[in-house]
Every structure is written in structure tokens, then in C-alpha cells.
Amino acid sequence: MTAMDFAVILPAYNEATHIGEAIDAVRACARNGISVEIVVVDNQSTDDTAKIARERGATVLENTDSKRRTIAALRNAGAHVTTAPVLAFLDADMLVPNDWLEKAAGRFGTGYSGALGFAERVPDDASWVGRVWGNRSDAPLTDLATDFLPGRNILVSREAFEAVDGFDETLITCEDKDFTYRLSEASRCVLRSPATTVIHLGYEKSLMEFIKKEFWRQSTTLAFAHRHGFSARTLRNPAMSLWHLLCAGLFAGTLALGAWTWVCSALALWLIPASLFTLRDAMSMRHRHNLPGVLALTFLRWNVSGAALAWQAARSALSRLVGGNAS
């Protein structure tokens, strides 16, 4: 067994419900020569998040700024107060298995200097939305190279983290995609691994929560694309969002005109991307009876993303207009 030191950083805002359980799960991973330092970076919580974290023995950094900070800034702050050679970034609503760090040590102990994300699932008693969306694709059969990993489940060597200057604190969302994309661009490995599975307790409890979260997640896709010079890879999401926005307008227009042939054509064009994404997920899906639900939520997700794209464009245009008038 490879002995190794890890620093686990958990950004948190009003996570009193889950923070204690999350810390206990991480603490249980300190075995077989593995040591772990746990840092909770509290973003001005109004509940007992910080108190519970301290009671569980975690180091707590509290945001004393005049306003809340981006999650990227919280992650960077936690990393900067630690010294372990491997950093693990978890959300405060993630539960890790006892072998989580042992599996990571098996990878980083061989000299691996990149990023690693393990498989995820939601609890068995999750809501319908949570189960369908959270478990829509199973873990890869072997380590799978990628350039995007979710920030709630990333382990990375400190050397690689510092080589790309950590997370971009100017991004409100997409900071995780930006981070792993920059690692990939710097020729660092970024892998998804089926070696173990973490549980996401912060799954979407209702359809309205799903819509709100997706709108927020997609709210800075243009800023992310701009950050990387509008490369083909970073423009995939805005392009797909624009497609759904245009198809929605085409569908509404043909429906209003009563042109039923065109209505059917517009609907088919509107559904094609979601259908293809669903078929892709079905390639590794154990529970194929969820396919209709996956299709429905995928279609909804991309239309919410289209609305977020329109909001970003309107906000950018208004900012330029105000800036131009001010000058």
C-alpha cells in the first residue's frame, strides 16, 4: 500500500445538513499509511456549518470579505494553506468510500501528475429527477481520458495545480471545466476512473431545482469560451444552446402560423441533439428503463442552457451600452 499525504478542501455555504457526514467519511480514509488534512472554506454561512466542521476536527477558513467569494476563490484559498503533495477538491455534500484515498494513492504514488475524478452516483432513495439525471451514465470500464471534470470530485497533484495557477477566481461557474481544460491544454493527464465511487448528496430534489441549477451552471459559458479564445471545444456548449434557442423560436413561429409540416420538421430538429446525447449515455446505462426520463431531462437541460445563453448575451450587450454611455 502506498503511503501518501492528502489535503482535502471542501468549500461550503450553509451545508450544516451534510458537512459533518462528509468530513467523517473523509476522515475514515486516513488508514494504511495515508494521512489527510481537511480544510473547510466557509463562504459566510448563516447556519452551523463552520461550528460543525470545527467539532469534527477540520481546519476552518472563514470568508471575512464584505461579500461572498466565488467557489474558485474558496478552493484556491484552501489549497494555499496546505502542504500535501496531492490536493482533493470535494463539495461539502459528497460522501466518499473508505478506499477513496487508497485508490488515489495507487495512481499518484506512481508519479502521476495530473487530475483524477472518480465515478459518481446519487443515493438509492434520491428523487426521480436525482436518480435519472445523477445516474444517467455509469462509470467507464477503464480509466478514461477527458478534459472536463466536475469540481465536486477532483484530485490533482499540487505540482500540476500550481503549474496552471489553480482555479480562475473570476469565473462564477465553469471554473472546474476551465481548470481541467487548462490542465489538458498544458499536456497534463485528466482522467475519469471507475476504481471507486463517490455519492453526491446534493442531487436535484425537484424539477424546479433542476432548472434553477442548470440555469446557474450555464450562466458563464460565454465567459469560459472567451477565456480560451472561443476555441472549437469551448464553443460546443454555446453552439448547442443557440441551436435549441433557434429551434424553440422556429417551433413557436411555425405553430403560430399553423404550418403543421413545418411544425413537425422544427420539432424533429429540436429533438435531434437530446436524442443523440441520450443514445450516447445509453451505451453505458444499466437501467435502460430510464431512457425516456434521460431524454426529457436532457432536452430540458439544453433549452435551459439556451435561455442562459440569451441572458448572458443580453447582460453583455447592456454592459457595453452602459459602458459606452459612461465614456
C-alpha atoms as a PDB file:
ATOM      1  CA  MET A   1       0.000   0.000   0.000  1.00  0.00           C
ATOM      2  CA  THR A   2       1.340   3.435  -0.990  1.00  0.00           C
ATOM      3  CA  ALA A   3       1.756   5.857   1.934  1.00  0.00           C
ATOM      4  CA  MET A   4       0.803   9.392   0.951  1.00  0.00           C
ATOM      5  CA  ASP A   5      -0.367  12.719   2.351  1.00  0.00           C
ATOM      6  CA  PHE A   6      -3.518  14.355   1.025  1.00  0.00           C
ATOM      7  CA  ALA A   7      -5.122  17.743   1.585  1.00  0.00           C
ATOM      8  CA  VAL A   8      -8.896  17.689   1.171  1.00  0.00           C
ATOM      9  CA  ILE A   9     -10.564  21.054   0.535  1.00  0.00           C
ATOM     10  CA  LEU A  10     -14.314  21.457   0.983  1.00  0.00           C
ATOM     11  CA  PRO A  11     -15.842  24.839   0.043  1.00  0.00           C
ATOM     12  CA  ALA A  12     -19.112  25.310   1.898  1.00  0.00           C
ATOM     13  CA  TYR A  13     -22.088  27.611   2.205  1.00  0.00           C
ATOM     14  CA  ASN A  14     -24.920  26.629   4.561  1.00  0.00           C
ATOM     15  CA  GLU A  15     -24.027  22.935   4.454  1.00  0.00           C
ATOM     16  CA  ALA A  16     -24.858  22.092   8.077  1.00  0.00           C
ATOM     17  CA  THR A  17     -27.048  19.201   6.877  1.00  0.00           C
ATOM     18  CA  HIS A  18     -24.191  17.328   5.182  1.00  0.00           C
ATOM     19  CA  ILE A  19     -20.842  18.767   6.325  1.00  0.00           C
ATOM     20  CA  GLY A  20     -20.411  16.525   9.384  1.00  0.00           C
ATOM     21  CA  GLU A  21     -21.113  13.340   7.459  1.00  0.00           C
ATOM     22  CA  ALA A  22     -18.845  14.460   4.613  1.00  0.00           C
ATOM     23  CA  ILE A  23     -15.918  15.159   6.980  1.00  0.00           C
ATOM     24  CA  ASP A  24     -16.403  11.854   8.814  1.00  0.00           C
ATOM     25  CA  ALA A  25     -16.290   9.978   5.507  1.00  0.00           C
ATOM     26  CA  VAL A  26     -13.030  11.697   4.508  1.00  0.00           C
ATOM     27  CA  ARG A  27     -11.534  11.080   7.948  1.00  0.00           C
ATOM     28  CA  ALA A  28     -12.260   7.341   7.600  1.00  0.00           C
ATOM     29  CA  CYS A  29      -9.972   7.286   4.558  1.00  0.00           C
ATOM     30  CA  ALA A  30      -6.904   8.039   6.716  1.00  0.00           C
ATOM     31  CA  ARG A  31      -5.665   4.465   7.034  1.00  0.00           C
ATOM     32  CA  ASN A  32      -2.954   2.126   5.749  1.00  0.00           C
ATOM     33  CA  GLY A  33      -0.261   4.812   5.739  1.00  0.00           C
ATOM     34  CA  ILE A  34      -2.464   7.548   4.310  1.00  0.00           C
ATOM     35  CA  SER A  35      -2.743  10.859   6.163  1.00  0.00           C
ATOM     36  CA  VAL A  36      -5.276  13.560   5.400  1.00  0.00           C
ATOM     37  CA  GLU A  37      -5.661  17.221   6.291  1.00  0.00           C
ATOM     38  CA  ILE A  38      -9.217  18.519   5.944  1.00  0.00           C
ATOM     39  CA  VAL A  39      -9.841  22.201   5.243  1.00  0.00           C
ATOM     40  CA  VAL A  40     -13.352  23.643   5.123  1.00  0.00           C
ATOM     41  CA  VAL A  41     -13.555  27.062   3.486  1.00  0.00           C
ATOM     42  CA  ASP A  42     -16.776  28.647   4.725  1.00  0.00           C
ATOM     43  CA  ASN A  43     -18.356  31.257   2.456  1.00  0.00           C
ATOM     44  CA  GLN A  44     -20.230  33.305   5.079  1.00  0.00           C
ATOM     45  CA  SER A  45     -22.676  30.570   6.073  1.00  0.00           C
ATOM     46  CA  THR A  46     -25.614  31.624   8.230  1.00  0.00           C
ATOM     47  CA  ASP A  47     -26.085  28.165   9.746  1.00  0.00           C
ATOM     48  CA  ASP A  48     -23.783  25.939  11.860  1.00  0.00           C
ATOM     49  CA  THR A  49     -21.534  24.807   9.008  1.00  0.00           C
ATOM     50  CA  ALA A  50     -18.326  26.265  10.494  1.00  0.00           C
ATOM     51  CA  LYS A  51     -19.170  25.109  14.027  1.00  0.00           C
ATOM     52  CA  ILE A  52     -19.850  21.528  12.939  1.00  0.00           C
ATOM     53  CA  ALA A  53     -16.676  21.431  10.835  1.00  0.00           C
ATOM     54  CA  ARG A  54     -14.557  22.552  13.805  1.00  0.00           C
ATOM     55  CA  GLU A  55     -16.210  19.989  16.060  1.00  0.00           C
ATOM     56  CA  ARG A  56     -15.238  17.309  13.516  1.00  0.00           C
ATOM     57  CA  GLY A  57     -11.590  18.432  13.717  1.00  0.00           C
ATOM     58  CA  ALA A  58     -11.353  20.172  10.334  1.00  0.00           C
ATOM     59  CA  THR A  59      -9.384  23.362   9.803  1.00  0.00           C
ATOM     60  CA  VAL A  60     -11.909  26.102   9.037  1.00  0.00           C
ATOM     61  CA  LEU A  61     -11.175  29.176   6.941  1.00  0.00           C
ATOM     62  CA  GLU A  62     -13.936  31.769   7.094  1.00  0.00           C
ATOM     63  CA  ASN A  63     -14.551  34.355   4.404  1.00  0.00           C
ATOM     64  CA  THR A  64     -14.380  37.729   6.146  1.00  0.00           C
ATOM     65  CA  ASP A  65     -14.685  39.797   2.966  1.00  0.00           C
ATOM     66  CA  SER A  66     -17.556  42.222   2.504  1.00  0.00           C
ATOM     67  CA  LYS A  67     -19.263  39.777   0.155  1.00  0.00           C
ATOM     68  CA  ARG A  68     -19.291  36.078  -0.686  1.00  0.00           C
ATOM     69  CA  ARG A  69     -16.475  34.795  -2.876  1.00  0.00           C
ATOM     70  CA  THR A  70     -16.545  32.558  -5.960  1.00  0.00           C
ATOM     71  CA  ILE A  71     -16.184  28.844  -5.378  1.00  0.00           C
ATOM     72  CA  ALA A  72     -12.916  29.013  -7.343  1.00  0.00           C
ATOM     73  CA  ALA A  73     -11.550  31.513  -4.797  1.00  0.00           C
ATOM     74  CA  LEU A  74     -12.617  29.232  -1.939  1.00  0.00           C
ATOM     75  CA  ARG A  75     -10.843  26.242  -3.452  1.00  0.00           C
ATOM     76  CA  ASN A  76      -7.663  28.238  -4.055  1.00  0.00           C
ATOM     77  CA  ALA A  77      -7.721  29.596  -0.501  1.00  0.00           C
ATOM     78  CA  GLY A  78      -7.958  26.078   0.915  1.00  0.00           C
ATOM     79  CA  ALA A  79      -5.137  24.817  -1.283  1.00  0.00           C
ATOM     80  CA  HIS A  80      -2.818  27.674  -0.282  1.00  0.00           C
ATOM     81  CA  VAL A  81      -2.926  26.845   3.458  1.00  0.00           C
ATOM     82  CA  THR A  82      -1.984  23.194   2.933  1.00  0.00           C
ATOM     83  CA  THR A  83       1.286  21.459   2.022  1.00  0.00           C
ATOM     84  CA  ALA A  84       0.334  17.918   0.965  1.00  0.00           C
ATOM     85  CA  PRO A  85       1.577  16.807  -2.481  1.00  0.00           C
ATOM     86  CA  VAL A  86      -1.932  15.845  -3.603  1.00  0.00           C
ATOM     87  CA  LEU A  87      -4.984  18.100  -3.379  1.00  0.00           C
ATOM     88  CA  ALA A  88      -8.524  16.747  -3.328  1.00  0.00           C
ATOM     89  CA  PHE A  89     -11.437  19.082  -4.010  1.00  0.00           C
ATOM     90  CA  LEU A  90     -14.831  17.916  -2.831  1.00  0.00           C
ATOM     91  CA  ASP A  91     -18.135  19.662  -2.363  1.00  0.00           C
ATOM     92  CA  ALA A  92     -19.482  19.574   1.164  1.00  0.00           C
ATOM     93  CA  ASP A  93     -22.367  17.332   0.067  1.00  0.00           C
ATOM     94  CA  MET A  94     -20.160  14.490  -1.232  1.00  0.00           C
ATOM     95  CA  LEU A  95     -19.667  11.180   0.587  1.00  0.00           C
ATOM     96  CA  VAL A  96     -16.518   9.222  -0.192  1.00  0.00           C
ATOM     97  CA  PRO A  97     -15.955   5.479   0.421  1.00  0.00           C
ATOM     98  CA  ASN A  98     -13.225   4.259   2.774  1.00  0.00           C
ATOM     99  CA  ASP A  99     -10.975   3.291  -0.134  1.00  0.00           C
ATOM    100  CA  TRP A 100     -11.215   6.687  -1.862  1.00  0.00           C
ATOM    101  CA  LEU A 101      -7.719   7.911  -0.982  1.00  0.00           C
ATOM    102  CA  GLU A 102      -6.189   4.424  -1.238  1.00  0.00           C
ATOM    103  CA  LYS A 103      -7.335   4.266  -4.853  1.00  0.00           C
ATOM    104  CA  ALA A 104      -5.976   7.768  -5.441  1.00  0.00           C
ATOM    105  CA  ALA A 105      -2.658   6.874  -3.807  1.00  0.00           C
ATOM    106  CA  GLY A 106      -2.372   3.907  -6.140  1.00  0.00           C
ATOM    107  CA  ARG A 107      -2.414   6.369  -9.024  1.00  0.00           C
ATOM    108  CA  PHE A 108      -0.462   9.363  -7.634  1.00  0.00           C
ATOM    109  CA  GLY A 109       2.045   7.107  -5.884  1.00  0.00           C
ATOM    110  CA  THR A 110       3.392   6.037  -9.270  1.00  0.00           C
ATOM    111  CA  GLY A 111       4.404   9.600 -10.145  1.00  0.00           C
ATOM    112  CA  TYR A 112       1.147  10.597 -11.843  1.00  0.00           C
ATOM    113  CA  SER A 113       0.985  14.393 -12.152  1.00  0.00           C
ATOM    114  CA  GLY A 114      -2.453  15.303 -13.416  1.00  0.00           C
ATOM    115  CA  ALA A 115      -6.097  15.327 -12.364  1.00  0.00           C
ATOM    116  CA  LEU A 116      -8.350  12.439 -11.463  1.00  0.00           C
ATOM    117  CA  GLY A 117     -12.090  12.162 -10.935  1.00  0.00           C
ATOM    118  CA  PHE A 118     -13.826   9.023  -9.683  1.00  0.00           C
ATOM    119  CA  ALA A 119     -17.242   7.673 -10.619  1.00  0.00           C
ATOM    120  CA  GLU A 120     -20.311   9.272  -9.047  1.00  0.00           C
ATOM    121  CA  ARG A 121     -23.833   8.235  -8.170  1.00  0.00           C
ATOM    122  CA  VAL A 122     -26.740   9.523  -6.104  1.00  0.00           C
ATOM    123  CA  PRO A 123     -28.288   7.741  -3.092  1.00  0.00           C
ATOM    124  CA  ASP A 124     -30.779   4.972  -3.786  1.00  0.00           C
ATOM    125  CA  ASP A 125     -33.572   6.990  -2.141  1.00  0.00           C
ATOM    126  CA  ALA A 126     -32.976  10.076  -4.321  1.00  0.00           C
ATOM    127  CA  SER A 127     -35.867  11.800  -6.062  1.00  0.00           C
ATOM    128  CA  TRP A 128     -36.900  10.732  -9.573  1.00  0.00           C
ATOM    129  CA  VAL A 129     -35.076  13.703 -11.077  1.00  0.00           C
ATOM    130  CA  GLY A 130     -31.986  12.986  -8.991  1.00  0.00           C
ATOM    131  CA  ARG A 131     -31.876   9.281  -9.898  1.00  0.00           C
ATOM    132  CA  VAL A 132     -32.463   9.791 -13.612  1.00  0.00           C
ATOM    133  CA  TRP A 133     -30.006  12.666 -14.027  1.00  0.00           C
ATOM    134  CA  GLY A 134     -27.403  11.671 -11.437  1.00  0.00           C
ATOM    135  CA  ASN A 135     -27.131   8.078 -12.661  1.00  0.00           C
ATOM    136  CA  ARG A 136     -27.669   8.692 -16.366  1.00  0.00           C
ATOM    137  CA  SER A 137     -24.275   7.243 -17.309  1.00  0.00           C
ATOM    138  CA  ASP A 138     -22.273   4.635 -15.453  1.00  0.00           C
ATOM    139  CA  ALA A 139     -18.572   4.713 -14.720  1.00  0.00           C
ATOM    140  CA  PRO A 140     -16.213   3.961 -17.610  1.00  0.00           C
ATOM    141  CA  LEU A 141     -14.916   0.395 -17.759  1.00  0.00           C
ATOM    142  CA  THR A 142     -11.322   1.665 -17.536  1.00  0.00           C
ATOM    143  CA  ASP A 143      -9.609   4.996 -16.929  1.00  0.00           C
ATOM    144  CA  LEU A 144     -10.956   7.419 -19.496  1.00  0.00           C
ATOM    145  CA  ALA A 145      -9.083  10.495 -20.724  1.00  0.00           C
ATOM    146  CA  THR A 146     -11.171  13.678 -20.710  1.00  0.00           C
ATOM    147  CA  ASP A 147     -10.684  17.425 -20.470  1.00  0.00           C
ATOM    148  CA  PHE A 148     -13.630  18.249 -18.179  1.00  0.00           C
ATOM    149  CA  LEU A 149     -14.196  17.065 -14.595  1.00  0.00           C
ATOM    150  CA  PRO A 150     -16.751  18.366 -12.067  1.00  0.00           C
ATOM    151  CA  GLY A 151     -15.203  20.473  -9.296  1.00  0.00           C
ATOM    152  CA  ARG A 152     -17.018  18.485  -6.629  1.00  0.00           C
ATOM    153  CA  ASN A 153     -14.855  15.446  -7.389  1.00  0.00           C
ATOM    154  CA  ILE A 154     -11.290  16.321  -8.458  1.00  0.00           C
ATOM    155  CA  LEU A 155      -7.945  15.101  -7.138  1.00  0.00           C
ATOM    156  CA  VAL A 156      -4.826  16.741  -8.566  1.00  0.00           C
ATOM    157  CA  SER A 157      -1.117  16.844  -7.838  1.00  0.00           C
ATOM    158  CA  ARG A 158      -0.047  20.090  -6.210  1.00  0.00           C
ATOM    159  CA  GLU A 159       2.632  20.489  -8.847  1.00  0.00           C
ATOM    160  CA  ALA A 160       0.024  20.406 -11.644  1.00  0.00           C
ATOM    161  CA  PHE A 161      -2.327  22.684  -9.687  1.00  0.00           C
ATOM    162  CA  GLU A 162       0.386  25.300  -9.259  1.00  0.00           C
ATOM    163  CA  ALA A 163       1.597  24.928 -12.852  1.00  0.00           C
ATOM    164  CA  VAL A 164      -1.747  26.292 -14.121  1.00  0.00           C
ATOM    165  CA  ASP A 165      -2.214  28.765 -11.225  1.00  0.00           C
ATOM    166  CA  GLY A 166      -5.176  26.945  -9.736  1.00  0.00           C
ATOM    167  CA  PHE A 167      -8.788  27.863 -10.403  1.00  0.00           C
ATOM    168  CA  ASP A 168      -9.784  31.058 -12.216  1.00  0.00           C
ATOM    169  CA  GLU A 169     -11.389  33.152  -9.477  1.00  0.00           C
ATOM    170  CA  THR A 170     -13.137  35.457 -11.967  1.00  0.00           C
ATOM    171  CA  LEU A 171     -15.448  32.667 -13.162  1.00  0.00           C
ATOM    172  CA  ILE A 172     -18.679  32.232 -11.227  1.00  0.00           C
ATOM    173  CA  THR A 173     -19.399  28.845 -12.825  1.00  0.00           C
ATOM    174  CA  CYS A 174     -17.482  26.656 -15.308  1.00  0.00           C
ATOM    175  CA  GLU A 175     -14.401  27.145 -13.119  1.00  0.00           C
ATOM    176  CA  ASP A 176     -13.984  23.369 -12.932  1.00  0.00           C
ATOM    177  CA  LYS A 177     -14.212  22.947 -16.701  1.00  0.00           C
ATOM    178  CA  ASP A 178     -11.752  25.805 -17.119  1.00  0.00           C
ATOM    179  CA  PHE A 179      -9.323  24.262 -14.626  1.00  0.00           C
ATOM    180  CA  THR A 180      -9.247  20.774 -16.117  1.00  0.00           C
ATOM    181  CA  TYR A 181      -9.298  22.177 -19.653  1.00  0.00           C
ATOM    182  CA  ARG A 182      -6.174  24.242 -18.879  1.00  0.00           C
ATOM    183  CA  LEU A 183      -4.524  21.144 -17.417  1.00  0.00           C
ATOM    184  CA  SER A 184      -5.309  19.258 -20.605  1.00  0.00           C
ATOM    185  CA  GLU A 185      -4.006  22.127 -22.725  1.00  0.00           C
ATOM    186  CA  ALA A 186      -0.791  22.024 -20.656  1.00  0.00           C
ATOM    187  CA  SER A 187      -0.390  18.331 -21.605  1.00  0.00           C
ATOM    188  CA  ARG A 188      -1.372  17.115 -18.131  1.00  0.00           C
ATOM    189  CA  CYS A 189      -3.467  13.973 -17.914  1.00  0.00           C
ATOM    190  CA  VAL A 190      -7.107  14.381 -16.884  1.00  0.00           C
ATOM    191  CA  LEU A 191      -8.796  11.062 -16.151  1.00  0.00           C
ATOM    192  CA  ARG A 192     -12.150   9.659 -15.086  1.00  0.00           C
ATOM    193  CA  SER A 193     -11.671   6.439 -13.152  1.00  0.00           C
ATOM    194  CA  PRO A 194     -14.061   3.605 -12.203  1.00  0.00           C
ATOM    195  CA  ALA A 195     -11.758   2.499  -9.366  1.00  0.00           C
ATOM    196  CA  THR A 196     -14.214   3.702  -6.710  1.00  0.00           C
ATOM    197  CA  THR A 197     -17.465   5.652  -6.468  1.00  0.00           C
ATOM    198  CA  VAL A 198     -18.426   8.767  -4.520  1.00  0.00           C
ATOM    199  CA  ILE A 199     -22.005   9.642  -3.592  1.00  0.00           C
ATOM    200  CA  HIS A 200     -23.481  13.038  -4.400  1.00  0.00           C
ATOM    201  CA  LEU A 201     -25.995  14.072  -1.739  1.00  0.00           C
ATOM    202  CA  GLY A 202     -26.668  17.420  -3.406  1.00  0.00           C
ATOM    203  CA  TYR A 203     -28.714  15.922  -6.205  1.00  0.00           C
ATOM    204  CA  GLU A 204     -31.677  17.805  -7.665  1.00  0.00           C
ATOM    205  CA  LYS A 205     -34.715  17.189  -5.463  1.00  0.00           C
ATOM    206  CA  SER A 206     -37.318  18.519  -7.905  1.00  0.00           C
ATOM    207  CA  LEU A 207     -37.782  19.619 -11.492  1.00  0.00           C
ATOM    208  CA  MET A 208     -37.709  23.283 -10.462  1.00  0.00           C
ATOM    209  CA  GLU A 209     -34.420  22.778  -8.606  1.00  0.00           C
ATOM    210  CA  PHE A 210     -33.033  21.061 -11.720  1.00  0.00           C
ATOM    211  CA  ILE A 211     -33.987  24.071 -13.859  1.00  0.00           C
ATOM    212  CA  LYS A 212     -32.534  26.591 -11.403  1.00  0.00           C
ATOM    213  CA  LYS A 213     -29.246  24.699 -11.043  1.00  0.00           C
ATOM    214  CA  GLU A 214     -28.822  24.215 -14.779  1.00  0.00           C
ATOM    215  CA  PHE A 215     -29.503  27.894 -15.478  1.00  0.00           C
ATOM    216  CA  TRP A 216     -26.868  28.845 -12.895  1.00  0.00           C
ATOM    217  CA  ARG A 217     -24.340  26.294 -14.196  1.00  0.00           C
ATOM    218  CA  GLN A 218     -24.718  27.526 -17.767  1.00  0.00           C
ATOM    219  CA  SER A 219     -24.666  31.228 -16.870  1.00  0.00           C
ATOM    220  CA  THR A 220     -20.973  31.842 -17.689  1.00  0.00           C
ATOM    221  CA  THR A 221     -20.372  29.614 -20.713  1.00  0.00           C
ATOM    222  CA  LEU A 222     -19.561  32.631 -22.905  1.00  0.00           C
ATOM    223  CA  ALA A 223     -17.052  33.924 -20.350  1.00  0.00           C
ATOM    224  CA  PHE A 224     -15.444  30.487 -20.300  1.00  0.00           C
ATOM    225  CA  ALA A 225     -15.267  30.376 -24.105  1.00  0.00           C
ATOM    226  CA  HIS A 226     -13.864  33.913 -24.200  1.00  0.00           C
ATOM    227  CA  ARG A 227     -11.246  32.919 -21.634  1.00  0.00           C
ATOM    228  CA  HIS A 228      -9.925  30.375 -24.167  1.00  0.00           C
ATOM    229  CA  GLY A 229     -10.196  32.467 -27.310  1.00  0.00           C
ATOM    230  CA  PHE A 230     -13.503  30.930 -28.411  1.00  0.00           C
ATOM    231  CA  SER A 231     -11.859  27.645 -29.360  1.00  0.00           C
ATOM    232  CA  ALA A 232     -13.959  24.966 -31.057  1.00  0.00           C
ATOM    233  CA  ARG A 233     -14.024  22.880 -27.858  1.00  0.00           C
ATOM    234  CA  THR A 234     -15.241  25.690 -25.615  1.00  0.00           C
ATOM    235  CA  LEU A 235     -17.847  26.827 -28.136  1.00  0.00           C
ATOM    236  CA  ARG A 236     -19.633  23.466 -28.189  1.00  0.00           C
ATOM    237  CA  ASN A 237     -21.899  24.371 -25.303  1.00  0.00           C
ATOM    238  CA  PRO A 238     -22.846  27.863 -26.562  1.00  0.00           C
ATOM    239  CA  ALA A 239     -23.406  26.453 -30.063  1.00  0.00           C
ATOM    240  CA  MET A 240     -25.707  23.722 -28.748  1.00  0.00           C
ATOM    241  CA  SER A 241     -27.511  26.248 -26.573  1.00  0.00           C
ATOM    242  CA  LEU A 242     -28.001  28.552 -29.561  1.00  0.00           C
ATOM    243  CA  TRP A 243     -29.339  25.642 -31.609  1.00  0.00           C
ATOM    244  CA  HIS A 244     -32.052  24.976 -29.027  1.00  0.00           C
ATOM    245  CA  LEU A 245     -32.856  28.665 -28.753  1.00  0.00           C
ATOM    246  CA  LEU A 246     -33.316  28.943 -32.518  1.00  0.00           C
ATOM    247  CA  CYS A 247     -35.295  25.703 -32.755  1.00  0.00           C
ATOM    248  CA  ALA A 248     -37.612  26.867 -29.983  1.00  0.00           C
ATOM    249  CA  GLY A 249     -38.261  30.077 -31.906  1.00  0.00           C
ATOM    250  CA  LEU A 250     -38.796  28.165 -35.157  1.00  0.00           C
ATOM    251  CA  PHE A 251     -41.204  25.763 -33.475  1.00  0.00           C
ATOM    252  CA  ALA A 252     -43.206  28.579 -31.878  1.00  0.00           C
ATOM    253  CA  GLY A 253     -43.314  30.505 -35.163  1.00  0.00           C
ATOM    254  CA  THR A 254     -44.496  27.582 -37.298  1.00  0.00           C
ATOM    255  CA  LEU A 255     -47.028  26.615 -34.622  1.00  0.00           C
ATOM    256  CA  ALA A 256     -48.463  30.120 -34.612  1.00  0.00           C
ATOM    257  CA  LEU A 257     -48.782  30.013 -38.418  1.00  0.00           C
ATOM    258  CA  GLY A 258     -50.424  26.605 -38.315  1.00  0.00           C
ATOM    259  CA  ALA A 259     -47.903  25.222 -40.797  1.00  0.00           C
ATOM    260  CA  TRP A 260     -48.068  21.666 -39.475  1.00  0.00           C
ATOM    261  CA  THR A 261     -45.484  20.140 -41.792  1.00  0.00           C
ATOM    262  CA  TRP A 262     -43.000  22.766 -40.693  1.00  0.00           C
ATOM    263  CA  VAL A 263     -44.064  22.292 -37.070  1.00  0.00           C
ATOM    264  CA  CYS A 264     -43.119  18.605 -37.260  1.00  0.00           C
ATOM    265  CA  SER A 265     -39.843  19.432 -39.001  1.00  0.00           C
ATOM    266  CA  ALA A 266     -38.964  22.062 -36.391  1.00  0.00           C
ATOM    267  CA  LEU A 267     -39.785  19.620 -33.579  1.00  0.00           C
ATOM    268  CA  ALA A 268     -37.564  16.947 -35.129  1.00  0.00           C
ATOM    269  CA  LEU A 269     -34.651  19.375 -35.445  1.00  0.00           C
ATOM    270  CA  TRP A 270     -35.245  20.493 -31.870  1.00  0.00           C
ATOM    271  CA  LEU A 271     -35.112  16.921 -30.530  1.00  0.00           C
ATOM    272  CA  ILE A 272     -32.133  15.591 -32.519  1.00  0.00           C
ATOM    273  CA  PRO A 273     -29.310  16.725 -30.165  1.00  0.00           C
ATOM    274  CA  ALA A 274     -31.034  15.466 -26.989  1.00  0.00           C
ATOM    275  CA  SER A 275     -31.748  12.149 -28.712  1.00  0.00           C
ATOM    276  CA  LEU A 276     -28.096  11.729 -29.699  1.00  0.00           C
ATOM    277  CA  PHE A 277     -26.862  12.600 -26.196  1.00  0.00           C
ATOM    278  CA  THR A 278     -29.328  10.114 -24.713  1.00  0.00           C
ATOM    279  CA  LEU A 279     -28.152   7.357 -27.053  1.00  0.00           C
ATOM    280  CA  ARG A 280     -24.562   8.117 -26.033  1.00  0.00           C
ATOM    281  CA  ASP A 281     -25.453   7.793 -22.349  1.00  0.00           C
ATOM    282  CA  ALA A 282     -27.411   4.615 -23.068  1.00  0.00           C
ATOM    283  CA  MET A 283     -24.216   2.924 -24.214  1.00  0.00           C
ATOM    284  CA  SER A 284     -23.176   2.540 -20.567  1.00  0.00           C
ATOM    285  CA  MET A 285     -26.539   2.708 -18.804  1.00  0.00           C
ATOM    286  CA  ARG A 286     -27.546  -0.207 -16.614  1.00  0.00           C
ATOM    287  CA  HIS A 287     -31.142   0.920 -16.158  1.00  0.00           C
ATOM    288  CA  ARG A 288     -32.386   1.363 -19.702  1.00  0.00           C
ATOM    289  CA  HIS A 289     -35.981   1.880 -18.493  1.00  0.00           C
ATOM    290  CA  ASN A 290     -34.864   5.407 -17.516  1.00  0.00           C
ATOM    291  CA  LEU A 291     -34.176   6.349 -21.140  1.00  0.00           C
ATOM    292  CA  PRO A 292     -37.404   8.381 -21.585  1.00  0.00           C
ATOM    293  CA  GLY A 293     -36.584  10.332 -18.438  1.00  0.00           C
ATOM    294  CA  VAL A 294     -32.994  10.931 -19.551  1.00  0.00           C
ATOM    295  CA  LEU A 295     -34.244  12.170 -22.919  1.00  0.00           C
ATOM    296  CA  ALA A 296     -36.753  14.520 -21.288  1.00  0.00           C
ATOM    297  CA  LEU A 297     -34.224  15.987 -18.843  1.00  0.00           C
ATOM    298  CA  THR A 298     -31.514  16.278 -21.498  1.00  0.00           C
ATOM    299  CA  PHE A 299     -33.914  18.152 -23.769  1.00  0.00           C
ATOM    300  CA  LEU A 300     -34.965  20.398 -20.871  1.00  0.00           C
ATOM    301  CA  ARG A 301     -31.354  20.994 -19.855  1.00  0.00           C
ATOM    302  CA  TRP A 302     -30.318  22.242 -23.278  1.00  0.00           C
ATOM    303  CA  ASN A 303     -33.295  24.554 -23.518  1.00  0.00           C
ATOM    304  CA  VAL A 304     -32.484  25.990 -20.099  1.00  0.00           C
ATOM    305  CA  SER A 305     -28.937  26.417 -21.373  1.00  0.00           C
ATOM    306  CA  GLY A 306     -30.360  28.299 -24.365  1.00  0.00           C
ATOM    307  CA  ALA A 307     -32.190  30.647 -22.025  1.00  0.00           C
ATOM    308  CA  ALA A 308     -28.962  31.143 -20.047  1.00  0.00           C
ATOM    309  CA  LEU A 309     -27.118  31.943 -23.275  1.00  0.00           C
ATOM    310  CA  ALA A 310     -29.701  34.597 -24.182  1.00  0.00           C
ATOM    311  CA  TRP A 311     -29.386  36.049 -20.675  1.00  0.00           C
ATOM    312  CA  GLN A 312     -25.589  36.181 -20.981  1.00  0.00           C
ATOM    313  CA  ALA A 313     -25.799  37.912 -24.359  1.00  0.00           C
ATOM    314  CA  ALA A 314     -28.346  40.457 -23.079  1.00  0.00           C
ATOM    315  CA  ARG A 315     -26.263  41.153 -19.989  1.00  0.00           C
ATOM    316  CA  SER A 316     -23.124  41.628 -22.093  1.00  0.00           C
ATOM    317  CA  ALA A 317     -24.917  43.972 -24.517  1.00  0.00           C
ATOM    318  CA  LEU A 318     -26.336  46.020 -21.645  1.00  0.00           C
ATOM    319  CA  SER A 319     -22.913  46.239 -20.004  1.00  0.00           C
ATOM    320  CA  ARG A 320     -21.355  47.523 -23.229  1.00  0.00           C
ATOM    321  CA  LEU A 321     -24.194  50.010 -23.709  1.00  0.00           C
ATOM    322  CA  VAL A 322     -23.827  51.362 -20.180  1.00  0.00           C
ATOM    323  CA  GLY A 323     -20.038  51.459 -20.528  1.00  0.00           C
ATOM    324  CA  GLY A 324     -20.306  53.263 -23.837  1.00  0.00           C
ATOM    325  CA  ASN A 325     -22.689  55.885 -22.444  1.00  0.00           C
ATOM    326  CA  ALA A 326     -20.451  56.395 -19.402  1.00  0.00           C
ATOM    327  CA  SER A 327     -17.480  57.161 -21.618  1.00  0.00           C
END
